[in-house]
């Protein structure tokens, strides 16, 4: 692909390499290090003059450092006369807080969706998917689960939870019938996993025969892994927007959907000036 350069930040090099491989590109040379006072230093190791630059950096690990590193890389490419710089952010940082609803971008933003890849995983890995029920662990995810349920032509349910304070759930009420069905919990992210593990127990108590969880971003902090190991899940499925190798060693229930082809195709389409909306309903081959 002419006039395109792909750089990787230090947050998720493995995913960046997969994206580069799918595009038939070499990752651009970049050196990231820290000064003795812990300030981030970035050196771009090749010319980007007139190039269409893409920087892959996920909001995981040392989030604040990685965000700052991304900003410095963008600035370095701008100063070096690149024609355009696009940040490819698999897991967008600071999106859990209310700020995300205020729409603070004054530049073009394409929000990519894991839904087509999730639908493909369900059909390929859950033999009883035609008798499943898609469950949202909270009322806020109702739109997400109804979309998936509609496209699978199955029923959906939701769990209404009352929180006393952030990260602590007080009471859960299941709305919908899961008896003798395979229940698939779907959510955008799981951090300490208190909610989805409570939800799994609730579904088993209500008569579900199997419970799966499919989550776009698996943050898995604090007691998350031990909670999943002790919960009645067949599998907890996440995408690789965040590195999961170490978590998978500690928890055999975790399975990963590779979304590098979605990012690669989004980059290719953006570079060529094509529509990205095709990816909202299709998984690129």
C-alpha atoms as a PDB file:
ATOM      1  CA  UNK A   1       0.000   0.000   0.000  1.00  0.00           C
ATOM      2  CA  UNK A   2       1.711   3.217  -1.119  1.00  0.00           C
ATOM      3  CA  UNK A   3       2.001   6.300   1.081  1.00  0.00           C
ATOM      4  CA  UNK A   4       0.919   4.562   4.267  1.00  0.00           C
ATOM      5  CA  UNK A   5       2.909   4.060   7.469  1.00  0.00           C
ATOM      6  CA  UNK A   6       1.699   2.010  10.443  1.00  0.00           C
ATOM      7  CA  UNK A   7       3.230   2.578  13.868  1.00  0.00           C
ATOM      8  CA  UNK A   8       2.652   0.656  17.083  1.00  0.00           C
ATOM      9  CA  UNK A   9       2.578   2.226  20.509  1.00  0.00           C
ATOM     10  CA  UNK A  10       3.887   0.134  23.392  1.00  0.00           C
ATOM     11  CA  UNK A  11       0.475  -0.906  24.785  1.00  0.00           C
ATOM     12  CA  UNK A  12      -0.321  -3.867  22.505  1.00  0.00           C
ATOM     13  CA  UNK A  13       2.459  -4.705  20.050  1.00  0.00           C
ATOM     14  CA  UNK A  14       1.054  -8.149  19.230  1.00  0.00           C
ATOM     15  CA  UNK A  15      -2.231  -6.703  17.907  1.00  0.00           C
ATOM     16  CA  UNK A  16      -0.364  -4.040  15.907  1.00  0.00           C
ATOM     17  CA  UNK A  17       1.777  -6.756  14.299  1.00  0.00           C
ATOM     18  CA  UNK A  18      -1.334  -8.761  13.348  1.00  0.00           C
ATOM     19  CA  UNK A  19      -2.850  -5.636  11.737  1.00  0.00           C
ATOM     20  CA  UNK A  20       0.407  -4.955   9.845  1.00  0.00           C
ATOM     21  CA  UNK A  21       0.553  -8.580   8.632  1.00  0.00           C
ATOM     22  CA  UNK A  22      -3.008  -8.403   7.293  1.00  0.00           C
ATOM     23  CA  UNK A  23      -2.210  -5.185   5.422  1.00  0.00           C
ATOM     24  CA  UNK A  24       1.068  -6.575   4.092  1.00  0.00           C
ATOM     25  CA  UNK A  25       3.039  -3.815   5.805  1.00  0.00           C
ATOM     26  CA  UNK A  26       6.099  -3.631   8.019  1.00  0.00           C
ATOM     27  CA  UNK A  27       5.538  -1.768  11.291  1.00  0.00           C
ATOM     28  CA  UNK A  28       7.239   1.628  11.205  1.00  0.00           C
ATOM     29  CA  UNK A  29      10.373   2.172  13.278  1.00  0.00           C
ATOM     30  CA  UNK A  30       9.678   3.994  16.532  1.00  0.00           C
ATOM     31  CA  UNK A  31      11.595   4.128  19.815  1.00  0.00           C
ATOM     32  CA  UNK A  32       9.700   4.901  23.016  1.00  0.00           C
ATOM     33  CA  UNK A  33      11.555   5.423  26.262  1.00  0.00           C
ATOM     34  CA  UNK A  34      11.385   7.429  29.463  1.00  0.00           C
ATOM     35  CA  UNK A  35      13.659  10.145  30.749  1.00  0.00           C
ATOM     36  CA  UNK A  36      14.946   9.769  34.293  1.00  0.00           C
ATOM     37  CA  UNK A  37      12.133  12.041  35.517  1.00  0.00           C
ATOM     38  CA  UNK A  38       9.603   9.564  33.965  1.00  0.00           C
ATOM     39  CA  UNK A  39       8.602  11.832  31.072  1.00  0.00           C
ATOM     40  CA  UNK A  40       7.831   9.902  27.893  1.00  0.00           C
ATOM     41  CA  UNK A  41      10.180  10.283  24.934  1.00  0.00           C
ATOM     42  CA  UNK A  42       9.291   9.117  21.412  1.00  0.00           C
ATOM     43  CA  UNK A  43      11.645   8.996  18.430  1.00  0.00           C
ATOM     44  CA  UNK A  44      10.147   8.278  14.994  1.00  0.00           C
ATOM     45  CA  UNK A  45      12.811   6.263  13.176  1.00  0.00           C
ATOM     46  CA  UNK A  46      11.820   6.915   9.561  1.00  0.00           C
ATOM     47  CA  UNK A  47      10.544   9.637   7.268  1.00  0.00           C
ATOM     48  CA  UNK A  48       6.785  10.212   7.320  1.00  0.00           C
ATOM     49  CA  UNK A  49       6.791  13.328   5.085  1.00  0.00           C
ATOM     50  CA  UNK A  50       3.629  13.301   2.971  1.00  0.00           C
ATOM     51  CA  UNK A  51       2.589   9.902   4.335  1.00  0.00           C
ATOM     52  CA  UNK A  52      -0.797   8.709   5.621  1.00  0.00           C
ATOM     53  CA  UNK A  53       0.126   7.639   9.165  1.00  0.00           C
ATOM     54  CA  UNK A  54      -1.795   5.226  11.421  1.00  0.00           C
ATOM     55  CA  UNK A  55      -0.816   4.706  15.068  1.00  0.00           C
ATOM     56  CA  UNK A  56      -2.203   1.692  16.952  1.00  0.00           C
ATOM     57  CA  UNK A  57      -2.375   2.283  20.704  1.00  0.00           C
ATOM     58  CA  UNK A  58      -4.888   0.662  23.049  1.00  0.00           C
ATOM     59  CA  UNK A  59      -6.177   2.107  26.327  1.00  0.00           C
ATOM     60  CA  UNK A  60      -4.902  -0.623  28.608  1.00  0.00           C
ATOM     61  CA  UNK A  61      -2.051  -1.355  31.020  1.00  0.00           C
ATOM     62  CA  UNK A  62      -0.494   1.919  32.150  1.00  0.00           C
ATOM     63  CA  UNK A  63      -3.361   3.881  30.648  1.00  0.00           C
ATOM     64  CA  UNK A  64      -2.151   7.403  31.378  1.00  0.00           C
ATOM     65  CA  UNK A  65       1.370   6.679  30.113  1.00  0.00           C
ATOM     66  CA  UNK A  66       0.027   5.019  26.971  1.00  0.00           C
ATOM     67  CA  UNK A  67      -2.357   7.885  26.257  1.00  0.00           C
ATOM     68  CA  UNK A  68       0.464  10.398  26.652  1.00  0.00           C
ATOM     69  CA  UNK A  69       2.721   8.292  24.436  1.00  0.00           C
ATOM     70  CA  UNK A  70       0.021   8.292  21.727  1.00  0.00           C
ATOM     71  CA  UNK A  71      -0.322  12.084  21.894  1.00  0.00           C
ATOM     72  CA  UNK A  72       3.449  12.556  21.641  1.00  0.00           C
ATOM     73  CA  UNK A  73       3.618  10.144  18.664  1.00  0.00           C
ATOM     74  CA  UNK A  74       0.816  12.045  16.894  1.00  0.00           C
ATOM     75  CA  UNK A  75       2.609  15.330  17.518  1.00  0.00           C
ATOM     76  CA  UNK A  76       5.950  13.924  16.301  1.00  0.00           C
ATOM     77  CA  UNK A  77       4.338  12.773  13.035  1.00  0.00           C
ATOM     78  CA  UNK A  78       2.574  16.100  12.539  1.00  0.00           C
ATOM     79  CA  UNK A  79       5.825  18.031  13.060  1.00  0.00           C
ATOM     80  CA  UNK A  80       7.535  15.688  10.568  1.00  0.00           C
ATOM     81  CA  UNK A  81       5.064  16.824   7.835  1.00  0.00           C
ATOM     82  CA  UNK A  82       2.905  13.715   7.519  1.00  0.00           C
ATOM     83  CA  UNK A  83      -0.153  14.371   5.339  1.00  0.00           C
ATOM     84  CA  UNK A  84      -2.576  12.835   7.860  1.00  0.00           C
ATOM     85  CA  UNK A  85      -2.377  11.047  11.222  1.00  0.00           C
ATOM     86  CA  UNK A  86      -5.069   8.609  12.372  1.00  0.00           C
ATOM     87  CA  UNK A  87      -5.128   7.118  15.867  1.00  0.00           C
ATOM     88  CA  UNK A  88      -6.367   3.514  15.919  1.00  0.00           C
ATOM     89  CA  UNK A  89      -7.530   2.919  19.499  1.00  0.00           C
ATOM     90  CA  UNK A  90      -8.872  -0.632  20.023  1.00  0.00           C
ATOM     91  CA  UNK A  91      -9.951   0.087  23.616  1.00  0.00           C
ATOM     92  CA  UNK A  92     -10.777   3.764  24.084  1.00  0.00           C
ATOM     93  CA  UNK A  93      -9.504   5.048  27.454  1.00  0.00           C
ATOM     94  CA  UNK A  94     -11.624   7.113  29.863  1.00  0.00           C
ATOM     95  CA  UNK A  95     -14.810   5.895  28.141  1.00  0.00           C
ATOM     96  CA  UNK A  96     -16.413   4.455  31.294  1.00  0.00           C
ATOM     97  CA  UNK A  97     -17.151   7.851  32.732  1.00  0.00           C
ATOM     98  CA  UNK A  98     -20.005  10.166  31.800  1.00  0.00           C
ATOM     99  CA  UNK A  99     -17.731  12.289  29.592  1.00  0.00           C
ATOM    100  CA  UNK A 100     -18.274   9.874  26.701  1.00  0.00           C
ATOM    101  CA  UNK A 101     -21.864  11.088  26.267  1.00  0.00           C
ATOM    102  CA  UNK A 102     -20.884  14.682  25.663  1.00  0.00           C
ATOM    103  CA  UNK A 103     -19.452  14.181  22.167  1.00  0.00           C
ATOM    104  CA  UNK A 104     -16.254  16.173  22.488  1.00  0.00           C
ATOM    105  CA  UNK A 105     -14.679  15.402  19.080  1.00  0.00           C
ATOM    106  CA  UNK A 106     -14.271  18.074  16.415  1.00  0.00           C
ATOM    107  CA  UNK A 107     -12.499  15.634  14.066  1.00  0.00           C
ATOM    108  CA  UNK A 108     -13.758  12.638  12.074  1.00  0.00           C
ATOM    109  CA  UNK A 109     -14.309   9.588  14.285  1.00  0.00           C
ATOM    110  CA  UNK A 110     -15.312   6.091  13.192  1.00  0.00           C
ATOM    111  CA  UNK A 111     -16.619   3.891  15.989  1.00  0.00           C
ATOM    112  CA  UNK A 112     -15.940   0.246  15.122  1.00  0.00           C
ATOM    113  CA  UNK A 113     -18.148  -2.583  16.398  1.00  0.00           C
ATOM    114  CA  UNK A 114     -17.260  -6.114  17.480  1.00  0.00           C
ATOM    115  CA  UNK A 115     -20.852  -7.298  16.918  1.00  0.00           C
ATOM    116  CA  UNK A 116     -20.284  -9.051  13.531  1.00  0.00           C
ATOM    117  CA  UNK A 117     -17.320 -10.975  15.001  1.00  0.00           C
ATOM    118  CA  UNK A 118     -19.394 -11.847  18.098  1.00  0.00           C
ATOM    119  CA  UNK A 119     -22.244 -13.207  15.943  1.00  0.00           C
ATOM    120  CA  UNK A 120     -19.756 -15.307  13.971  1.00  0.00           C
ATOM    121  CA  UNK A 121     -18.221 -16.691  17.193  1.00  0.00           C
ATOM    122  CA  UNK A 122     -21.648 -17.644  18.589  1.00  0.00           C
ATOM    123  CA  UNK A 123     -22.639 -19.529  15.426  1.00  0.00           C
ATOM    124  CA  UNK A 124     -19.306 -21.339  15.169  1.00  0.00           C
ATOM    125  CA  UNK A 125     -18.766 -22.229  18.849  1.00  0.00           C
ATOM    126  CA  UNK A 126     -22.175 -22.703  20.517  1.00  0.00           C
ATOM    127  CA  UNK A 127     -23.927 -25.726  18.950  1.00  0.00           C
ATOM    128  CA  UNK A 128     -27.236 -24.864  20.655  1.00  0.00           C
ATOM    129  CA  UNK A 129     -27.202 -21.202  19.569  1.00  0.00           C
ATOM    130  CA  UNK A 130     -30.638 -21.430  17.951  1.00  0.00           C
ATOM    131  CA  UNK A 131     -32.072 -22.198  21.398  1.00  0.00           C
ATOM    132  CA  UNK A 132     -30.096 -19.516  23.205  1.00  0.00           C
ATOM    133  CA  UNK A 133     -31.206 -16.318  24.891  1.00  0.00           C
ATOM    134  CA  UNK A 134     -29.088 -13.162  24.815  1.00  0.00           C
ATOM    135  CA  UNK A 135     -28.895 -11.467  28.218  1.00  0.00           C
ATOM    136  CA  UNK A 136     -27.807  -7.971  29.168  1.00  0.00           C
ATOM    137  CA  UNK A 137     -26.353  -7.730  32.702  1.00  0.00           C
ATOM    138  CA  UNK A 138     -27.818  -4.219  33.030  1.00  0.00           C
ATOM    139  CA  UNK A 139     -30.573  -2.081  31.528  1.00  0.00           C
ATOM    140  CA  UNK A 140     -28.020   0.149  29.776  1.00  0.00           C
ATOM    141  CA  UNK A 141     -26.981  -2.697  27.470  1.00  0.00           C
ATOM    142  CA  UNK A 142     -30.534  -3.449  26.277  1.00  0.00           C
ATOM    143  CA  UNK A 143     -29.957  -1.902  22.838  1.00  0.00           C
ATOM    144  CA  UNK A 144     -26.802  -3.999  22.365  1.00  0.00           C
ATOM    145  CA  UNK A 145     -28.459  -7.335  23.222  1.00  0.00           C
ATOM    146  CA  UNK A 146     -31.649  -6.660  21.235  1.00  0.00           C
ATOM    147  CA  UNK A 147     -29.527  -5.997  18.146  1.00  0.00           C
ATOM    148  CA  UNK A 148     -27.661  -9.311  18.560  1.00  0.00           C
ATOM    149  CA  UNK A 149     -30.860 -11.226  19.440  1.00  0.00           C
ATOM    150  CA  UNK A 150     -32.613  -9.829  16.353  1.00  0.00           C
ATOM    151  CA  UNK A 151     -29.784 -10.850  14.061  1.00  0.00           C
ATOM    152  CA  UNK A 152     -29.717 -14.374  15.538  1.00  0.00           C
ATOM    153  CA  UNK A 153     -33.539 -14.487  15.595  1.00  0.00           C
ATOM    154  CA  UNK A 154     -33.591 -15.489  19.286  1.00  0.00           C
ATOM    155  CA  UNK A 155     -35.069 -14.047  22.494  1.00  0.00           C
ATOM    156  CA  UNK A 156     -33.396 -11.641  24.878  1.00  0.00           C
ATOM    157  CA  UNK A 157     -33.569 -10.927  28.599  1.00  0.00           C
ATOM    158  CA  UNK A 158     -32.035  -8.341  30.867  1.00  0.00           C
ATOM    159  CA  UNK A 159     -30.959  -8.070  34.447  1.00  0.00           C
ATOM    160  CA  UNK A 160     -31.938  -4.944  36.305  1.00  0.00           C
ATOM    161  CA  UNK A 161     -29.346  -4.102  38.931  1.00  0.00           C
ATOM    162  CA  UNK A 162     -29.458  -1.556  41.701  1.00  0.00           C
ATOM    163  CA  UNK A 163     -26.059  -0.160  42.630  1.00  0.00           C
ATOM    164  CA  UNK A 164     -25.184   1.366  45.988  1.00  0.00           C
ATOM    165  CA  UNK A 165     -21.874   2.727  44.681  1.00  0.00           C
ATOM    166  CA  UNK A 166     -19.566   2.238  41.680  1.00  0.00           C
ATOM    167  CA  UNK A 167     -18.210  -1.332  41.240  1.00  0.00           C
ATOM    168  CA  UNK A 168     -20.625  -2.699  43.892  1.00  0.00           C
ATOM    169  CA  UNK A 169     -23.977  -4.238  42.982  1.00  0.00           C
ATOM    170  CA  UNK A 170     -26.716  -4.426  45.564  1.00  0.00           C
ATOM    171  CA  UNK A 171     -29.665  -6.375  44.100  1.00  0.00           C
ATOM    172  CA  UNK A 172     -30.360  -8.067  40.760  1.00  0.00           C
ATOM    173  CA  UNK A 173     -33.725  -8.763  39.119  1.00  0.00           C
ATOM    174  CA  UNK A 174     -33.965 -10.974  36.001  1.00  0.00           C
ATOM    175  CA  UNK A 175     -36.513  -9.852  33.402  1.00  0.00           C
ATOM    176  CA  UNK A 176     -37.179 -12.699  30.934  1.00  0.00           C
ATOM    177  CA  UNK A 177     -37.405 -16.505  30.880  1.00  0.00           C
ATOM    178  CA  UNK A 178     -34.119 -18.428  30.628  1.00  0.00           C
ATOM    179  CA  UNK A 179     -35.355 -21.837  31.843  1.00  0.00           C
ATOM    180  CA  UNK A 180     -33.807 -24.742  29.870  1.00  0.00           C
ATOM    181  CA  UNK A 181     -32.005 -22.314  27.559  1.00  0.00           C
ATOM    182  CA  UNK A 182     -28.361 -21.499  26.839  1.00  0.00           C
ATOM    183  CA  UNK A 183     -27.851 -17.975  28.231  1.00  0.00           C
ATOM    184  CA  UNK A 184     -25.295 -15.673  26.598  1.00  0.00           C
ATOM    185  CA  UNK A 185     -24.387 -12.601  28.631  1.00  0.00           C
ATOM    186  CA  UNK A 186     -23.210  -9.727  26.428  1.00  0.00           C
ATOM    187  CA  UNK A 187     -21.541  -6.539  27.683  1.00  0.00           C
ATOM    188  CA  UNK A 188     -19.117  -3.895  26.432  1.00  0.00           C
ATOM    189  CA  UNK A 189     -16.484  -4.430  29.110  1.00  0.00           C
ATOM    190  CA  UNK A 190     -15.745  -6.354  32.289  1.00  0.00           C
ATOM    191  CA  UNK A 191     -13.371  -5.014  34.906  1.00  0.00           C
ATOM    192  CA  UNK A 192     -13.626  -6.663  38.338  1.00  0.00           C
ATOM    193  CA  UNK A 193     -16.351  -9.011  36.936  1.00  0.00           C
ATOM    194  CA  UNK A 194     -18.604  -8.725  40.002  1.00  0.00           C
ATOM    195  CA  UNK A 195     -21.625  -7.914  37.833  1.00  0.00           C
ATOM    196  CA  UNK A 196     -21.274 -10.692  35.255  1.00  0.00           C
ATOM    197  CA  UNK A 197     -20.446 -13.332  37.885  1.00  0.00           C
ATOM    198  CA  UNK A 198     -23.512 -12.332  39.939  1.00  0.00           C
ATOM    199  CA  UNK A 199     -25.507 -12.421  36.714  1.00  0.00           C
ATOM    200  CA  UNK A 200     -24.248 -15.921  35.861  1.00  0.00           C
ATOM    201  CA  UNK A 201     -25.346 -17.219  39.275  1.00  0.00           C
ATOM    202  CA  UNK A 202     -28.729 -15.561  38.787  1.00  0.00           C
ATOM    203  CA  UNK A 203     -29.185 -17.220  35.378  1.00  0.00           C
ATOM    204  CA  UNK A 204     -28.277 -20.698  36.680  1.00  0.00           C
ATOM    205  CA  UNK A 205     -30.699 -20.204  39.602  1.00  0.00           C
ATOM    206  CA  UNK A 206     -33.390 -19.248  37.064  1.00  0.00           C
ATOM    207  CA  UNK A 207     -32.912 -22.526  35.177  1.00  0.00           C
ATOM    208  CA  UNK A 208     -30.404 -21.753  32.402  1.00  0.00           C
ATOM    209  CA  UNK A 209     -28.579 -24.936  31.292  1.00  0.00           C
ATOM    210  CA  UNK A 210     -25.359 -23.162  30.265  1.00  0.00           C
ATOM    211  CA  UNK A 211     -24.017 -19.636  30.635  1.00  0.00           C
ATOM    212  CA  UNK A 212     -21.527 -17.895  28.360  1.00  0.00           C
ATOM    213  CA  UNK A 213     -20.237 -14.332  28.643  1.00  0.00           C
ATOM    214  CA  UNK A 214     -19.129 -12.330  25.602  1.00  0.00           C
ATOM    215  CA  UNK A 215     -17.411  -9.032  26.375  1.00  0.00           C
ATOM    216  CA  UNK A 216     -15.814  -6.577  23.975  1.00  0.00           C
ATOM    217  CA  UNK A 217     -13.083  -5.423  26.368  1.00  0.00           C
ATOM    218  CA  UNK A 218     -11.754  -7.760  29.068  1.00  0.00           C
ATOM    219  CA  UNK A 219      -9.979  -5.522  31.572  1.00  0.00           C
ATOM    220  CA  UNK A 220      -9.979  -8.152  34.344  1.00  0.00           C
ATOM    221  CA  UNK A 221      -8.504  -6.205  37.246  1.00  0.00           C
ATOM    222  CA  UNK A 222      -8.421  -7.057  40.958  1.00  0.00           C
ATOM    223  CA  UNK A 223     -10.321 -10.254  41.852  1.00  0.00           C
ATOM    224  CA  UNK A 224     -11.699 -10.752  38.310  1.00  0.00           C
ATOM    225  CA  UNK A 225      -9.815 -13.961  37.428  1.00  0.00           C
ATOM    226  CA  UNK A 226     -10.651 -15.801  40.666  1.00  0.00           C
ATOM    227  CA  UNK A 227     -14.293 -14.724  40.327  1.00  0.00           C
ATOM    228  CA  UNK A 228     -14.486 -16.116  36.770  1.00  0.00           C
ATOM    229  CA  UNK A 229     -12.793 -19.365  37.825  1.00  0.00           C
ATOM    230  CA  UNK A 230     -15.406 -19.814  40.560  1.00  0.00           C
ATOM    231  CA  UNK A 231     -18.394 -18.755  38.428  1.00  0.00           C
ATOM    232  CA  UNK A 232     -20.574 -21.204  36.420  1.00  0.00           C
ATOM    233  CA  UNK A 233     -19.411 -20.047  32.953  1.00  0.00           C
ATOM    234  CA  UNK A 234     -18.810 -22.418  30.053  1.00  0.00           C
ATOM    235  CA  UNK A 235     -16.569 -19.729  28.568  1.00  0.00           C
ATOM    236  CA  UNK A 236     -15.826 -16.010  28.939  1.00  0.00           C
ATOM    237  CA  UNK A 237     -15.133 -14.627  25.487  1.00  0.00           C
ATOM    238  CA  UNK A 238     -13.336 -11.311  24.916  1.00  0.00           C
ATOM    239  CA  UNK A 239     -11.747  -9.582  21.941  1.00  0.00           C
ATOM    240  CA  UNK A 240      -8.026  -8.874  21.795  1.00  0.00           C
ATOM    241  CA  UNK A 241      -8.359  -5.091  22.130  1.00  0.00           C
ATOM    242  CA  UNK A 242      -6.416  -5.693  25.371  1.00  0.00           C
ATOM    243  CA  UNK A 243      -3.589  -8.283  25.684  1.00  0.00           C
ATOM    244  CA  UNK A 244      -4.999 -11.456  27.269  1.00  0.00           C
ATOM    245  CA  UNK A 245      -2.116 -13.977  27.161  1.00  0.00           C
ATOM    246  CA  UNK A 246      -1.308 -13.803  30.894  1.00  0.00           C
ATOM    247  CA  UNK A 247      -4.995 -13.833  31.892  1.00  0.00           C
ATOM    248  CA  UNK A 248      -5.640 -16.916  29.748  1.00  0.00           C
ATOM    249  CA  UNK A 249      -2.864 -18.813  31.565  1.00  0.00           C
ATOM    250  CA  UNK A 250      -4.550 -18.067  34.901  1.00  0.00           C
ATOM    251  CA  UNK A 251      -8.085 -18.765  33.665  1.00  0.00           C
ATOM    252  CA  UNK A 252      -8.800 -21.547  31.136  1.00  0.00           C
ATOM    253  CA  UNK A 253     -12.370 -20.269  30.640  1.00  0.00           C
ATOM    254  CA  UNK A 254     -11.158 -17.132  28.823  1.00  0.00           C
ATOM    255  CA  UNK A 255     -11.322 -17.334  25.016  1.00  0.00           C
ATOM    256  CA  UNK A 256     -10.323 -14.608  22.574  1.00  0.00           C
ATOM    257  CA  UNK A 257     -11.857 -13.292  19.345  1.00  0.00           C
ATOM    258  CA  UNK A 258      -9.208 -11.722  17.104  1.00  0.00           C
ATOM    259  CA  UNK A 259     -10.379  -8.331  15.797  1.00  0.00           C
ATOM    260  CA  UNK A 260      -7.152  -7.421  13.940  1.00  0.00           C
ATOM    261  CA  UNK A 261      -8.893  -7.988  10.588  1.00  0.00           C
ATOM    262  CA  UNK A 262     -11.571  -5.411  11.496  1.00  0.00           C
ATOM    263  CA  UNK A 263      -8.907  -2.804  12.366  1.00  0.00           C
ATOM    264  CA  UNK A 264      -6.859  -3.653   9.261  1.00  0.00           C
ATOM    265  CA  UNK A 265      -9.862  -3.345   6.961  1.00  0.00           C
ATOM    266  CA  UNK A 266     -10.885  -0.048   8.626  1.00  0.00           C
ATOM    267  CA  UNK A 267      -7.369   1.300   7.989  1.00  0.00           C
ATOM    268  CA  UNK A 268      -7.422   0.108   4.362  1.00  0.00           C
ATOM    269  CA  UNK A 269     -10.843   1.652   3.727  1.00  0.00           C
ATOM    270  CA  UNK A 270      -9.940   4.939   5.430  1.00  0.00           C
ATOM    271  CA  UNK A 271      -6.694   5.151   3.448  1.00  0.00           C
ATOM    272  CA  UNK A 272      -8.534   4.532   0.160  1.00  0.00           C
ATOM    273  CA  UNK A 273     -11.413   6.870   0.996  1.00  0.00           C
ATOM    274  CA  UNK A 274     -13.969   4.045   1.107  1.00  0.00           C
ATOM    275  CA  UNK A 275     -16.935   3.677   3.464  1.00  0.00           C
ATOM    276  CA  UNK A 276     -16.216   2.049   6.830  1.00  0.00           C
ATOM    277  CA  UNK A 277     -19.905   1.319   7.541  1.00  0.00           C
ATOM    278  CA  UNK A 278     -19.619  -2.049   5.723  1.00  0.00           C
ATOM    279  CA  UNK A 279     -17.756  -3.264   8.836  1.00  0.00           C
ATOM    280  CA  UNK A 280     -20.772  -2.564  11.063  1.00  0.00           C
ATOM    281  CA  UNK A 281     -22.493  -5.668   9.662  1.00  0.00           C
ATOM    282  CA  UNK A 282     -19.725  -7.799   8.121  1.00  0.00           C
ATOM    283  CA  UNK A 283     -16.548  -9.524   9.289  1.00  0.00           C
ATOM    284  CA  UNK A 284     -13.814  -9.022   6.656  1.00  0.00           C
ATOM    285  CA  UNK A 285     -12.368 -12.282   5.340  1.00  0.00           C
END
